[in-house]
Amino acid sequence: MAIRFPEDEVRPVGRTARGVKGVELREGDRVVGMEVPEGDGAILTVTRKGFGKRTPILDYRPQGRGGLGLVNIRLVESKGEVVGIRYVEETDEVLLATASGMILRTRASDRRPIARGGAR
């Protein structure tokens, strides 16, 4: 699941505060990342077994803070769970590190845009 909401809905809090709720989590859900988009780029989602997809940020309609969010990627066992997300633009390069220490370098534009919720 993914949620997009205006940054100004998050009020400033002090150092000892616990923050504010950004998303409603269901049992078994966890937050893997947060990004503050600086334009109309895309969200790059990577799964544990090395699958990735790039989804235009505009595919995520804005919601209120604390909502359930929208389906980001449909997971199947062969792809593994989501391990990371990043905001990327067409010209960005991405470095990925595997558990065995291999470093992979790729251009964000090498991942074709896939609609939100797509299984690829």
PDB file of N, CA and C in Angstrom:
ATOM      1  N   MET A   1       0.847  -1.174   0.000  1.00  0.00           N
ATOM      2  CA  MET A   1       0.000   0.000   0.000  1.00  0.00           C
ATOM      3  C   MET A   1       0.893   1.237   0.000  1.00  0.00           C
ATOM      4  N   ALA A   2       0.388   2.308  -0.543  1.00  0.00           N
ATOM      5  CA  ALA A   2       1.105   3.578  -0.570  1.00  0.00           C
ATOM      6  C   ALA A   2       0.098   4.691  -0.334  1.00  0.00           C
ATOM      7  N   ILE A   3       0.543   5.746   0.319  1.00  0.00           N
ATOM      8  CA  ILE A   3      -0.334   6.894   0.550  1.00  0.00           C
ATOM      9  C   ILE A   3       0.402   8.160   0.156  1.00  0.00           C
ATOM     10  N   ARG A   4      -0.331   9.094  -0.399  1.00  0.00           N
ATOM     11  CA  ARG A   4       0.207  10.399  -0.789  1.00  0.00           C
ATOM     12  C   ARG A   4      -0.669  11.449  -0.143  1.00  0.00           C
ATOM     13  N   PHE A   5      -0.061  12.360   0.622  1.00  0.00           N
ATOM     14  CA  PHE A   5      -0.814  13.446   1.245  1.00  0.00           C
ATOM     15  C   PHE A   5       0.062  14.695   1.294  1.00  0.00           C
ATOM     16  N   PRO A   6      -0.579  15.869   1.390  1.00  0.00           N
ATOM     17  CA  PRO A   6       0.180  17.124   1.397  1.00  0.00           C
ATOM     18  C   PRO A   6       1.087  17.221   2.630  1.00  0.00           C
ATOM     19  N   GLU A   7       2.307  17.670   2.417  1.00  0.00           N
ATOM     20  CA  GLU A   7       3.279  17.811   3.499  1.00  0.00           C
ATOM     21  C   GLU A   7       2.785  18.757   4.594  1.00  0.00           C
ATOM     22  N   ASP A   8       1.986  19.755   4.212  1.00  0.00           N
ATOM     23  CA  ASP A   8       1.531  20.716   5.225  1.00  0.00           C
ATOM     24  C   ASP A   8       0.507  20.117   6.192  1.00  0.00           C
ATOM     25  N   GLU A   9       0.053  18.866   5.953  1.00  0.00           N
ATOM     26  CA  GLU A   9      -0.823  18.182   6.907  1.00  0.00           C
ATOM     27  C   GLU A   9      -0.035  17.609   8.082  1.00  0.00           C
ATOM     28  N   VAL A  10       1.289  17.612   7.995  1.00  0.00           N
ATOM     29  CA  VAL A  10       2.132  17.104   9.074  1.00  0.00           C
ATOM     30  C   VAL A  10       2.637  18.299   9.877  1.00  0.00           C
ATOM     31  N   ARG A  11       2.115  18.436  11.079  1.00  0.00           N
ATOM     32  CA  ARG A  11       2.484  19.585  11.906  1.00  0.00           C
ATOM     33  C   ARG A  11       3.872  19.380  12.514  1.00  0.00           C
ATOM     34  N   PRO A  12       4.583  20.467  12.767  1.00  0.00           N
ATOM     35  CA  PRO A  12       5.889  20.350  13.430  1.00  0.00           C
ATOM     36  C   PRO A  12       5.696  19.846  14.865  1.00  0.00           C
ATOM     37  N   VAL A  13       6.586  18.981  15.317  1.00  0.00           N
ATOM     38  CA  VAL A  13       6.538  18.468  16.681  1.00  0.00           C
ATOM     39  C   VAL A  13       7.916  18.592  17.309  1.00  0.00           C
ATOM     40  N   GLY A  14       7.960  18.573  18.618  1.00  0.00           N
ATOM     41  CA  GLY A  14       9.217  18.686  19.345  1.00  0.00           C
ATOM     42  C   GLY A  14      10.043  17.413  19.282  1.00  0.00           C
ATOM     43  N   ARG A  15      11.265  17.512  19.770  1.00  0.00           N
ATOM     44  CA  ARG A  15      12.225  16.407  19.715  1.00  0.00           C
ATOM     45  C   ARG A  15      11.748  15.165  20.465  1.00  0.00           C
ATOM     46  N   THR A  16      11.015  15.340  21.537  1.00  0.00           N
ATOM     47  CA  THR A  16      10.579  14.200  22.339  1.00  0.00           C
ATOM     48  C   THR A  16       9.219  13.652  21.917  1.00  0.00           C
ATOM     49  N   ALA A  17       8.579  14.291  20.959  1.00  0.00           N
ATOM     50  CA  ALA A  17       7.254  13.842  20.510  1.00  0.00           C
ATOM     51  C   ALA A  17       7.375  12.568  19.669  1.00  0.00           C
ATOM     52  N   ARG A  18       6.289  11.830  19.559  1.00  0.00           N
ATOM     53  CA  ARG A  18       6.265  10.600  18.764  1.00  0.00           C
ATOM     54  C   ARG A  18       5.879  10.870  17.321  1.00  0.00           C
ATOM     55  N   GLY A  19       5.541  12.083  16.956  1.00  0.00           N
ATOM     56  CA  GLY A  19       5.186  12.405  15.585  1.00  0.00           C
ATOM     57  C   GLY A  19       3.687  12.350  15.362  1.00  0.00           C
ATOM     58  N   VAL A  20       3.294  12.288  14.103  1.00  0.00           N
ATOM     59  CA  VAL A  20       1.885  12.222  13.733  1.00  0.00           C
ATOM     60  C   VAL A  20       1.684  11.005  12.836  1.00  0.00           C
ATOM     61  N   LYS A  21       0.472  10.499  12.804  1.00  0.00           N
ATOM     62  CA  LYS A  21       0.163   9.302  12.016  1.00  0.00           C
ATOM     63  C   LYS A  21       0.115   9.651  10.531  1.00  0.00           C
ATOM     64  N   GLY A  22       0.875   8.925   9.728  1.00  0.00           N
ATOM     65  CA  GLY A  22       0.885   9.157   8.297  1.00  0.00           C
ATOM     66  C   GLY A  22      -0.012   8.198   7.536  1.00  0.00           C
ATOM     67  N   VAL A  23      -0.081   6.937   7.999  1.00  0.00           N
ATOM     68  CA  VAL A  23      -0.839   5.909   7.283  1.00  0.00           C
ATOM     69  C   VAL A  23      -1.417   4.921   8.292  1.00  0.00           C
ATOM     70  N   GLU A  24      -2.583   4.407   7.987  1.00  0.00           N
ATOM     71  CA  GLU A  24      -3.214   3.366   8.808  1.00  0.00           C
ATOM     72  C   GLU A  24      -2.664   2.014   8.345  1.00  0.00           C
ATOM     73  N   LEU A  25      -2.058   1.275   9.263  1.00  0.00           N
ATOM     74  CA  LEU A  25      -1.482  -0.022   8.915  1.00  0.00           C
ATOM     75  C   LEU A  25      -2.414  -1.154   9.333  1.00  0.00           C
ATOM     76  N   ARG A  26      -2.566  -2.117   8.441  1.00  0.00           N
ATOM     77  CA  ARG A  26      -3.324  -3.325   8.762  1.00  0.00           C
ATOM     78  C   ARG A  26      -2.360  -4.344   9.356  1.00  0.00           C
ATOM     79  N   GLU A  27      -2.909  -5.416   9.933  1.00  0.00           N
ATOM     80  CA  GLU A  27      -2.068  -6.451  10.514  1.00  0.00           C
ATOM     81  C   GLU A  27      -1.138  -7.014   9.446  1.00  0.00           C
ATOM     82  N   GLY A  28       0.135  -7.096   9.770  1.00  0.00           N
ATOM     83  CA  GLY A  28       1.131  -7.609   8.835  1.00  0.00           C
ATOM     84  C   GLY A  28       1.772  -6.533   7.970  1.00  0.00           C
ATOM     85  N   ASP A  29       1.192  -5.342   7.909  1.00  0.00           N
ATOM     86  CA  ASP A  29       1.772  -4.248   7.126  1.00  0.00           C
ATOM     87  C   ASP A  29       2.937  -3.618   7.875  1.00  0.00           C
ATOM     88  N   ARG A  30       3.842  -3.014   7.117  1.00  0.00           N
ATOM     89  CA  ARG A  30       4.925  -2.234   7.714  1.00  0.00           C
ATOM     90  C   ARG A  30       5.340  -1.137   6.740  1.00  0.00           C
ATOM     91  N   VAL A  31       5.903  -0.101   7.273  1.00  0.00           N
ATOM     92  CA  VAL A  31       6.380   1.005   6.455  1.00  0.00           C
ATOM     93  C   VAL A  31       7.805   0.683   6.014  1.00  0.00           C
ATOM     94  N   VAL A  32       8.071   0.760   4.698  1.00  0.00           N
ATOM     95  CA  VAL A  32       9.415   0.486   4.191  1.00  0.00           C
ATOM     96  C   VAL A  32      10.130   1.754   3.732  1.00  0.00           C
ATOM     97  N   GLY A  33       9.409   2.855   3.597  1.00  0.00           N
ATOM     98  CA  GLY A  33      10.057   4.079   3.162  1.00  0.00           C
ATOM     99  C   GLY A  33       9.098   5.245   3.087  1.00  0.00           C
ATOM    100  N   MET A  34       9.687   6.431   2.979  1.00  0.00           N
ATOM    101  CA  MET A  34       8.916   7.658   2.829  1.00  0.00           C
ATOM    102  C   MET A  34       9.718   8.583   1.923  1.00  0.00           C
ATOM    103  N   GLU A  35       9.050   9.240   1.039  1.00  0.00           N
ATOM    104  CA  GLU A  35       9.709  10.166   0.126  1.00  0.00           C
ATOM    105  C   GLU A  35       8.928  11.470   0.068  1.00  0.00           C
ATOM    106  N   VAL A  36       9.642  12.556  -0.164  1.00  0.00           N
ATOM    107  CA  VAL A  36       9.026  13.864  -0.393  1.00  0.00           C
ATOM    108  C   VAL A  36       9.325  14.216  -1.849  1.00  0.00           C
ATOM    109  N   PRO A  37       8.354  13.975  -2.751  1.00  0.00           N
ATOM    110  CA  PRO A  37       8.594  14.221  -4.179  1.00  0.00           C
ATOM    111  C   PRO A  37       8.838  15.700  -4.454  1.00  0.00           C
ATOM    112  N   GLU A  38       9.758  15.963  -5.355  1.00  0.00           N
ATOM    113  CA  GLU A  38      10.099  17.344  -5.699  1.00  0.00           C
ATOM    114  C   GLU A  38       9.590  17.725  -7.077  1.00  0.00           C
ATOM    115  N   GLY A  39       8.782  16.898  -7.679  1.00  0.00           N
ATOM    116  CA  GLY A  39       8.282  17.171  -9.015  1.00  0.00           C
ATOM    117  C   GLY A  39       7.276  16.123  -9.428  1.00  0.00           C
ATOM    118  N   ASP A  40       7.216  15.866 -10.729  1.00  0.00           N
ATOM    119  CA  ASP A  40       6.278  14.873 -11.267  1.00  0.00           C
ATOM    120  C   ASP A  40       7.002  13.613 -11.697  1.00  0.00           C
ATOM    121  N   GLY A  41       7.977  13.169 -10.917  1.00  0.00           N
ATOM    122  CA  GLY A  41       8.743  11.965 -11.232  1.00  0.00           C
ATOM    123  C   GLY A  41       7.938  10.707 -10.960  1.00  0.00           C
ATOM    124  N   ALA A  42       8.602   9.707 -10.410  1.00  0.00           N
ATOM    125  CA  ALA A  42       7.970   8.403 -10.194  1.00  0.00           C
ATOM    126  C   ALA A  42       8.462   7.788  -8.893  1.00  0.00           C
ATOM    127  N   ILE A  43       7.728   6.773  -8.449  1.00  0.00           N
ATOM    128  CA  ILE A  43       8.147   5.980  -7.300  1.00  0.00           C
ATOM    129  C   ILE A  43       8.716   4.676  -7.833  1.00  0.00           C
ATOM    130  N   LEU A  44       9.962   4.388  -7.471  1.00  0.00           N
ATOM    131  CA  LEU A  44      10.603   3.132  -7.826  1.00  0.00           C
ATOM    132  C   LEU A  44      10.414   2.186  -6.646  1.00  0.00           C
ATOM    133  N   THR A  45       9.773   1.047  -6.891  1.00  0.00           N
ATOM    134  CA  THR A  45       9.510   0.057  -5.849  1.00  0.00           C
ATOM    135  C   THR A  45      10.341  -1.180  -6.158  1.00  0.00           C
ATOM    136  N   VAL A  46      11.058  -1.697  -5.138  1.00  0.00           N
ATOM    137  CA  VAL A  46      11.924  -2.864  -5.315  1.00  0.00           C
ATOM    138  C   VAL A  46      11.492  -3.946  -4.330  1.00  0.00           C
ATOM    139  N   THR A  47      11.441  -5.198  -4.818  1.00  0.00           N
ATOM    140  CA  THR A  47      11.052  -6.310  -3.954  1.00  0.00           C
ATOM    141  C   THR A  47      12.277  -7.142  -3.552  1.00  0.00           C
ATOM    142  N   ARG A  48      12.102  -7.969  -2.546  1.00  0.00           N
ATOM    143  CA  ARG A  48      13.187  -8.784  -1.989  1.00  0.00           C
ATOM    144  C   ARG A  48      13.870  -9.666  -3.036  1.00  0.00           C
ATOM    145  N   LYS A  49      13.129 -10.159  -4.010  1.00  0.00           N
ATOM    146  CA  LYS A  49      13.713 -11.056  -5.007  1.00  0.00           C
ATOM    147  C   LYS A  49      14.170 -10.320  -6.262  1.00  0.00           C
ATOM    148  N   GLY A  50      14.338  -8.981  -6.153  1.00  0.00           N
ATOM    149  CA  GLY A  50      14.958  -8.224  -7.219  1.00  0.00           C
ATOM    150  C   GLY A  50      14.055  -7.646  -8.284  1.00  0.00           C
ATOM    151  N   PHE A  51      12.762  -7.729  -8.105  1.00  0.00           N
ATOM    152  CA  PHE A  51      11.860  -7.127  -9.079  1.00  0.00           C
ATOM    153  C   PHE A  51      11.673  -5.661  -8.741  1.00  0.00           C
ATOM    154  N   GLY A  52      11.549  -4.837  -9.783  1.00  0.00           N
ATOM    155  CA  GLY A  52      11.340  -3.414  -9.566  1.00  0.00           C
ATOM    156  C   GLY A  52      10.340  -2.859 -10.554  1.00  0.00           C
ATOM    157  N   LYS A  53       9.691  -1.778 -10.136  1.00  0.00           N
ATOM    158  CA  LYS A  53       8.782  -1.094 -11.061  1.00  0.00           C
ATOM    159  C   LYS A  53       8.806   0.392 -10.751  1.00  0.00           C
ATOM    160  N   ARG A  54       8.566   1.159 -11.792  1.00  0.00           N
ATOM    161  CA  ARG A  54       8.551   2.620 -11.678  1.00  0.00           C
ATOM    162  C   ARG A  54       7.144   3.085 -11.998  1.00  0.00           C
ATOM    163  N   THR A  55       6.528   3.802 -11.050  1.00  0.00           N
ATOM    164  CA  THR A  55       5.149   4.258 -11.213  1.00  0.00           C
ATOM    165  C   THR A  55       5.092   5.782 -11.110  1.00  0.00           C
ATOM    166  N   PRO A  56       4.508   6.444 -12.092  1.00  0.00           N
ATOM    167  CA  PRO A  56       4.405   7.912 -12.028  1.00  0.00           C
ATOM    168  C   PRO A  56       3.722   8.366 -10.730  1.00  0.00           C
ATOM    169  N   ILE A  57       4.278   9.389 -10.106  1.00  0.00           N
ATOM    170  CA  ILE A  57       3.748   9.903  -8.840  1.00  0.00           C
ATOM    171  C   ILE A  57       2.294  10.345  -8.994  1.00  0.00           C
ATOM    172  N   LEU A  58       1.925  10.797 -10.189  1.00  0.00           N
ATOM    173  CA  LEU A  58       0.550  11.267 -10.405  1.00  0.00           C
ATOM    174  C   LEU A  58      -0.467  10.123 -10.406  1.00  0.00           C
ATOM    175  N   ASP A  59       0.007   8.856 -10.468  1.00  0.00           N
ATOM    176  CA  ASP A  59      -0.898   7.711 -10.365  1.00  0.00           C
ATOM    177  C   ASP A  59      -1.426   7.526  -8.936  1.00  0.00           C
ATOM    178  N   TYR A  60      -0.771   8.171  -7.968  1.00  0.00           N
ATOM    179  CA  TYR A  60      -1.192   8.081  -6.569  1.00  0.00           C
ATOM    180  C   TYR A  60      -2.002   9.332  -6.236  1.00  0.00           C
ATOM    181  N   ARG A  61      -3.316   9.197  -6.210  1.00  0.00           N
ATOM    182  CA  ARG A  61      -4.139  10.379  -5.922  1.00  0.00           C
ATOM    183  C   ARG A  61      -3.915  10.811  -4.471  1.00  0.00           C
ATOM    184  N   PRO A  62      -3.903  12.122  -4.227  1.00  0.00           N
ATOM    185  CA  PRO A  62      -3.728  12.599  -2.851  1.00  0.00           C
ATOM    186  C   PRO A  62      -4.888  12.149  -1.959  1.00  0.00           C
ATOM    187  N   GLN A  63      -4.561  11.790  -0.735  1.00  0.00           N
ATOM    188  CA  GLN A  63      -5.538  11.392   0.272  1.00  0.00           C
ATOM    189  C   GLN A  63      -5.275  12.197   1.536  1.00  0.00           C
ATOM    190  N   GLY A  64      -6.110  11.992   2.522  1.00  0.00           N
ATOM    191  CA  GLY A  64      -5.859  12.604   3.821  1.00  0.00           C
ATOM    192  C   GLY A  64      -4.829  11.804   4.597  1.00  0.00           C
ATOM    193  N   ARG A  65      -4.048  12.481   5.399  1.00  0.00           N
ATOM    194  CA  ARG A  65      -3.054  11.815   6.239  1.00  0.00           C
ATOM    195  C   ARG A  65      -3.756  10.830   7.161  1.00  0.00           C
ATOM    196  N   GLY A  66      -3.176   9.648   7.347  1.00  0.00           N
ATOM    197  CA  GLY A  66      -3.750   8.642   8.224  1.00  0.00           C
ATOM    198  C   GLY A  66      -4.699   7.681   7.539  1.00  0.00           C
ATOM    199  N   GLY A  67      -4.830   7.756   6.211  1.00  0.00           N
ATOM    200  CA  GLY A  67      -5.716   6.853   5.481  1.00  0.00           C
ATOM    201  C   GLY A  67      -5.081   5.486   5.255  1.00  0.00           C
ATOM    202  N   LEU A  68      -5.811   4.586   4.611  1.00  0.00           N
ATOM    203  CA  LEU A  68      -5.304   3.236   4.322  1.00  0.00           C
ATOM    204  C   LEU A  68      -4.353   3.198   3.132  1.00  0.00           C
ATOM    205  N   GLY A  69      -4.414   4.172   2.263  1.00  0.00           N
ATOM    206  CA  GLY A  69      -3.542   4.203   1.099  1.00  0.00           C
ATOM    207  C   GLY A  69      -4.120   3.444  -0.082  1.00  0.00           C
ATOM    208  N   LEU A  70      -3.309   3.321  -1.115  1.00  0.00           N
ATOM    209  CA  LEU A  70      -3.687   2.664  -2.371  1.00  0.00           C
ATOM    210  C   LEU A  70      -2.723   1.514  -2.637  1.00  0.00           C
ATOM    211  N   VAL A  71      -3.168   0.544  -3.412  1.00  0.00           N
ATOM    212  CA  VAL A  71      -2.285  -0.560  -3.785  1.00  0.00           C
ATOM    213  C   VAL A  71      -1.134   0.000  -4.614  1.00  0.00           C
ATOM    214  N   ASN A  72       0.081  -0.290  -4.201  1.00  0.00           N
ATOM    215  CA  ASN A  72       1.265   0.150  -4.923  1.00  0.00           C
ATOM    216  C   ASN A  72       1.734  -0.940  -5.888  1.00  0.00           C
ATOM    217  N   ILE A  73       1.830  -2.162  -5.380  1.00  0.00           N
ATOM    218  CA  ILE A  73       2.268  -3.293  -6.193  1.00  0.00           C
ATOM    219  C   ILE A  73       1.540  -4.543  -5.686  1.00  0.00           C
ATOM    220  N   ARG A  74       1.069  -5.342  -6.605  1.00  0.00           N
ATOM    221  CA  ARG A  74       0.430  -6.605  -6.216  1.00  0.00           C
ATOM    222  C   ARG A  74       1.542  -7.636  -6.048  1.00  0.00           C
ATOM    223  N   LEU A  75       1.626  -8.168  -4.853  1.00  0.00           N
ATOM    224  CA  LEU A  75       2.715  -9.080  -4.551  1.00  0.00           C
ATOM    225  C   LEU A  75       2.312 -10.532  -4.752  1.00  0.00           C
ATOM    226  N   VAL A  76       3.231 -11.274  -5.290  1.00  0.00           N
ATOM    227  CA  VAL A  76       3.093 -12.723  -5.388  1.00  0.00           C
ATOM    228  C   VAL A  76       4.371 -13.308  -4.785  1.00  0.00           C
ATOM    229  N   GLU A  77       4.308 -14.524  -4.311  1.00  0.00           N
ATOM    230  CA  GLU A  77       5.440 -15.118  -3.609  1.00  0.00           C
ATOM    231  C   GLU A  77       6.723 -15.110  -4.432  1.00  0.00           C
ATOM    232  N   SER A  78       6.601 -15.269  -5.744  1.00  0.00           N
ATOM    233  CA  SER A  78       7.797 -15.338  -6.593  1.00  0.00           C
ATOM    234  C   SER A  78       8.561 -14.007  -6.645  1.00  0.00           C
ATOM    235  N   LYS A  79       7.931 -12.914  -6.281  1.00  0.00           N
ATOM    236  CA  LYS A  79       8.600 -11.608  -6.307  1.00  0.00           C
ATOM    237  C   LYS A  79       9.102 -11.170  -4.933  1.00  0.00           C
ATOM    238  N   GLY A  80       8.540 -11.712  -3.880  1.00  0.00           N
ATOM    239  CA  GLY A  80       8.968 -11.339  -2.534  1.00  0.00           C
ATOM    240  C   GLY A  80       8.300 -10.063  -2.069  1.00  0.00           C
ATOM    241  N   GLU A  81       8.577  -9.697  -0.835  1.00  0.00           N
ATOM    242  CA  GLU A  81       7.971  -8.498  -0.246  1.00  0.00           C
ATOM    243  C   GLU A  81       8.716  -7.243  -0.678  1.00  0.00           C
ATOM    244  N   VAL A  82       8.075  -6.098  -0.532  1.00  0.00           N
ATOM    245  CA  VAL A  82       8.699  -4.814  -0.865  1.00  0.00           C
ATOM    246  C   VAL A  82       9.782  -4.517   0.170  1.00  0.00           C
ATOM    247  N   VAL A  83      10.971  -4.179  -0.308  1.00  0.00           N
ATOM    248  CA  VAL A  83      12.079  -3.864   0.601  1.00  0.00           C
ATOM    249  C   VAL A  83      12.493  -2.399   0.522  1.00  0.00           C
ATOM    250  N   GLY A  84      12.020  -1.679  -0.493  1.00  0.00           N
ATOM    251  CA  GLY A  84      12.392  -0.280  -0.574  1.00  0.00           C
ATOM    252  C   GLY A  84      11.633   0.465  -1.650  1.00  0.00           C
ATOM    253  N   ILE A  85      11.535   1.769  -1.429  1.00  0.00           N
ATOM    254  CA  ILE A  85      10.947   2.668  -2.425  1.00  0.00           C
ATOM    255  C   ILE A  85      11.812   3.922  -2.488  1.00  0.00           C
ATOM    256  N   ARG A  86      11.818   4.562  -3.639  1.00  0.00           N
ATOM    257  CA  ARG A  86      12.539   5.824  -3.817  1.00  0.00           C
ATOM    258  C   ARG A  86      11.816   6.662  -4.850  1.00  0.00           C
ATOM    259  N   TYR A  87      11.842   7.968  -4.635  1.00  0.00           N
ATOM    260  CA  TYR A  87      11.353   8.910  -5.639  1.00  0.00           C
ATOM    261  C   TYR A  87      12.466   9.077  -6.656  1.00  0.00           C
ATOM    262  N   VAL A  88      12.153   8.894  -7.944  1.00  0.00           N
ATOM    263  CA  VAL A  88      13.159   9.026  -9.000  1.00  0.00           C
ATOM    264  C   VAL A  88      12.614   9.880 -10.136  1.00  0.00           C
ATOM    265  N   GLU A  89      13.533  10.446 -10.881  1.00  0.00           N
ATOM    266  CA  GLU A  89      13.204  11.154 -12.111  1.00  0.00           C
ATOM    267  C   GLU A  89      13.894  10.435 -13.260  1.00  0.00           C
ATOM    268  N   GLU A  90      13.474  10.707 -14.486  1.00  0.00           N
ATOM    269  CA  GLU A  90      13.980  10.022 -15.683  1.00  0.00           C
ATOM    270  C   GLU A  90      15.504   9.979 -15.742  1.00  0.00           C
ATOM    271  N   THR A  91      16.170  11.035 -15.326  1.00  0.00           N
ATOM    272  CA  THR A  91      17.623  11.143 -15.483  1.00  0.00           C
ATOM    273  C   THR A  91      18.410  10.548 -14.316  1.00  0.00           C
ATOM    274  N   ASP A  92      17.742  10.058 -13.280  1.00  0.00           N
ATOM    275  CA  ASP A  92      18.418   9.516 -12.096  1.00  0.00           C
ATOM    276  C   ASP A  92      19.045   8.156 -12.369  1.00  0.00           C
ATOM    277  N   GLU A  93      20.135   7.879 -11.653  1.00  0.00           N
ATOM    278  CA  GLU A  93      20.719   6.550 -11.617  1.00  0.00           C
ATOM    279  C   GLU A  93      20.489   5.984 -10.228  1.00  0.00           C
ATOM    280  N   VAL A  94      20.315   4.674 -10.141  1.00  0.00           N
ATOM    281  CA  VAL A  94      20.001   4.018  -8.878  1.00  0.00           C
ATOM    282  C   VAL A  94      21.051   2.950  -8.606  1.00  0.00           C
ATOM    283  N   LEU A  95      21.525   2.891  -7.351  1.00  0.00           N
ATOM    284  CA  LEU A  95      22.429   1.831  -6.923  1.00  0.00           C
ATOM    285  C   LEU A  95      21.667   0.914  -5.980  1.00  0.00           C
ATOM    286  N   LEU A  96      21.741  -0.394  -6.237  1.00  0.00           N
ATOM    287  CA  LEU A  96      21.082  -1.386  -5.396  1.00  0.00           C
ATOM    288  C   LEU A  96      22.153  -2.328  -4.859  1.00  0.00           C
ATOM    289  N   ALA A  97      22.062  -2.665  -3.584  1.00  0.00           N
ATOM    290  CA  ALA A  97      23.006  -3.596  -2.971  1.00  0.00           C
ATOM    291  C   ALA A  97      22.268  -4.865  -2.580  1.00  0.00           C
ATOM    292  N   THR A  98      22.822  -6.013  -2.947  1.00  0.00           N
ATOM    293  CA  THR A  98      22.213  -7.281  -2.589  1.00  0.00           C
ATOM    294  C   THR A  98      22.733  -7.737  -1.235  1.00  0.00           C
ATOM    295  N   ALA A  99      22.082  -8.735  -0.649  1.00  0.00           N
ATOM    296  CA  ALA A  99      22.502  -9.275   0.644  1.00  0.00           C
ATOM    297  C   ALA A  99      23.901  -9.888   0.556  1.00  0.00           C
ATOM    298  N   SER A 100      24.278 -10.367  -0.625  1.00  0.00           N
ATOM    299  CA  SER A 100      25.602 -10.978  -0.790  1.00  0.00           C
ATOM    300  C   SER A 100      26.687  -9.944  -1.103  1.00  0.00           C
ATOM    301  N   GLY A 101      26.315  -8.665  -1.158  1.00  0.00           N
ATOM    302  CA  GLY A 101      27.296  -7.609  -1.363  1.00  0.00           C
ATOM    303  C   GLY A 101      27.475  -7.152  -2.801  1.00  0.00           C
ATOM    304  N   MET A 102      26.696  -7.678  -3.727  1.00  0.00           N
ATOM    305  CA  MET A 102      26.797  -7.245  -5.118  1.00  0.00           C
ATOM    306  C   MET A 102      26.128  -5.878  -5.264  1.00  0.00           C
ATOM    307  N   ILE A 103      26.744  -4.992  -6.003  1.00  0.00           N
ATOM    308  CA  ILE A 103      26.194  -3.661  -6.257  1.00  0.00           C
ATOM    309  C   ILE A 103      25.708  -3.604  -7.699  1.00  0.00           C
ATOM    310  N   LEU A 104      24.457  -3.196  -7.878  1.00  0.00           N
ATOM    311  CA  LEU A 104      23.872  -3.062  -9.207  1.00  0.00           C
ATOM    312  C   LEU A 104      23.604  -1.592  -9.472  1.00  0.00           C
ATOM    313  N   ARG A 105      23.978  -1.130 -10.638  1.00  0.00           N
ATOM    314  CA  ARG A 105      23.755   0.263 -11.021  1.00  0.00           C
ATOM    315  C   ARG A 105      22.871   0.274 -12.253  1.00  0.00           C
ATOM    316  N   THR A 106      21.806   1.079 -12.202  1.00  0.00           N
ATOM    317  CA  THR A 106      20.879   1.143 -13.330  1.00  0.00           C
ATOM    318  C   THR A 106      20.307   2.550 -13.441  1.00  0.00           C
ATOM    319  N   ARG A 107      19.851   2.890 -14.616  1.00  0.00           N
ATOM    320  CA  ARG A 107      19.174   4.172 -14.808  1.00  0.00           C
ATOM    321  C   ARG A 107      17.702   3.977 -14.475  1.00  0.00           C
ATOM    322  N   ALA A 108      17.097   4.958 -13.834  1.00  0.00           N
ATOM    323  CA  ALA A 108      15.667   4.892 -13.522  1.00  0.00           C
ATOM    324  C   ALA A 108      14.864   4.709 -14.808  1.00  0.00           C
ATOM    325  N   SER A 109      15.302   5.333 -15.876  1.00  0.00           N
ATOM    326  CA  SER A 109      14.571   5.238 -17.146  1.00  0.00           C
ATOM    327  C   SER A 109      14.622   3.832 -17.753  1.00  0.00           C
ATOM    328  N   ASP A 110      15.528   2.954 -17.261  1.00  0.00           N
ATOM    329  CA  ASP A 110      15.574   1.572 -17.746  1.00  0.00           C
ATOM    330  C   ASP A 110      14.386   0.751 -17.243  1.00  0.00           C
ATOM    331  N   ARG A 111      13.752   1.181 -16.204  1.00  0.00           N
ATOM    332  CA  ARG A 111      12.521   0.549 -15.687  1.00  0.00           C
ATOM    333  C   ARG A 111      11.363   1.263 -16.357  1.00  0.00           C
ATOM    334  N   ARG A 112      10.626   0.557 -17.190  1.00  0.00           N
ATOM    335  CA  ARG A 112       9.517   1.230 -17.873  1.00  0.00           C
ATOM    336  C   ARG A 112       8.421   1.545 -16.868  1.00  0.00           C
ATOM    337  N   PRO A 113       7.709   2.649 -17.088  1.00  0.00           N
ATOM    338  CA  PRO A 113       6.619   2.997 -16.166  1.00  0.00           C
ATOM    339  C   PRO A 113       5.520   1.926 -16.190  1.00  0.00           C
ATOM    340  N   ILE A 114       5.079   1.518 -15.023  1.00  0.00           N
ATOM    341  CA  ILE A 114       4.009   0.530 -14.881  1.00  0.00           C
ATOM    342  C   ILE A 114       2.954   1.132 -13.967  1.00  0.00           C
ATOM    343  N   ALA A 115       1.704   0.931 -14.315  1.00  0.00           N
ATOM    344  CA  ALA A 115       0.600   1.495 -13.528  1.00  0.00           C
ATOM    345  C   ALA A 115       0.645   1.026 -12.080  1.00  0.00           C
ATOM    346  N   ARG A 116       0.136   1.841 -11.198  1.00  0.00           N
ATOM    347  CA  ARG A 116       0.046   1.530  -9.788  1.00  0.00           C
ATOM    348  C   ARG A 116      -0.716   0.224  -9.608  1.00  0.00           C
ATOM    349  N   GLY A 117      -0.212  -0.680  -8.786  1.00  0.00           N
ATOM    350  CA  GLY A 117      -0.887  -1.943  -8.544  1.00  0.00           C
ATOM    351  C   GLY A 117      -0.522  -3.042  -9.520  1.00  0.00           C
ATOM    352  N   GLY A 118       0.234  -2.696 -10.562  1.00  0.00           N
ATOM    353  CA  GLY A 118       0.622  -3.711 -11.542  1.00  0.00           C
ATOM    354  C   GLY A 118       1.480  -4.792 -10.922  1.00  0.00           C
ATOM    355  N   ALA A 119       1.380  -5.992 -11.404  1.00  0.00           N
ATOM    356  CA  ALA A 119       2.074  -7.142 -10.812  1.00  0.00           C
ATOM    357  C   ALA A 119       3.503  -7.307 -11.307  1.00  0.00           C
ATOM    358  N   ARG A 120       3.976  -6.475 -12.205  1.00  0.00           N
ATOM    359  CA  ARG A 120       5.326  -6.668 -12.773  1.00  0.00           C
ATOM    360  C   ARG A 120       6.388  -6.096 -11.896  1.00  0.00           C
TER     361      ARG A 120
END
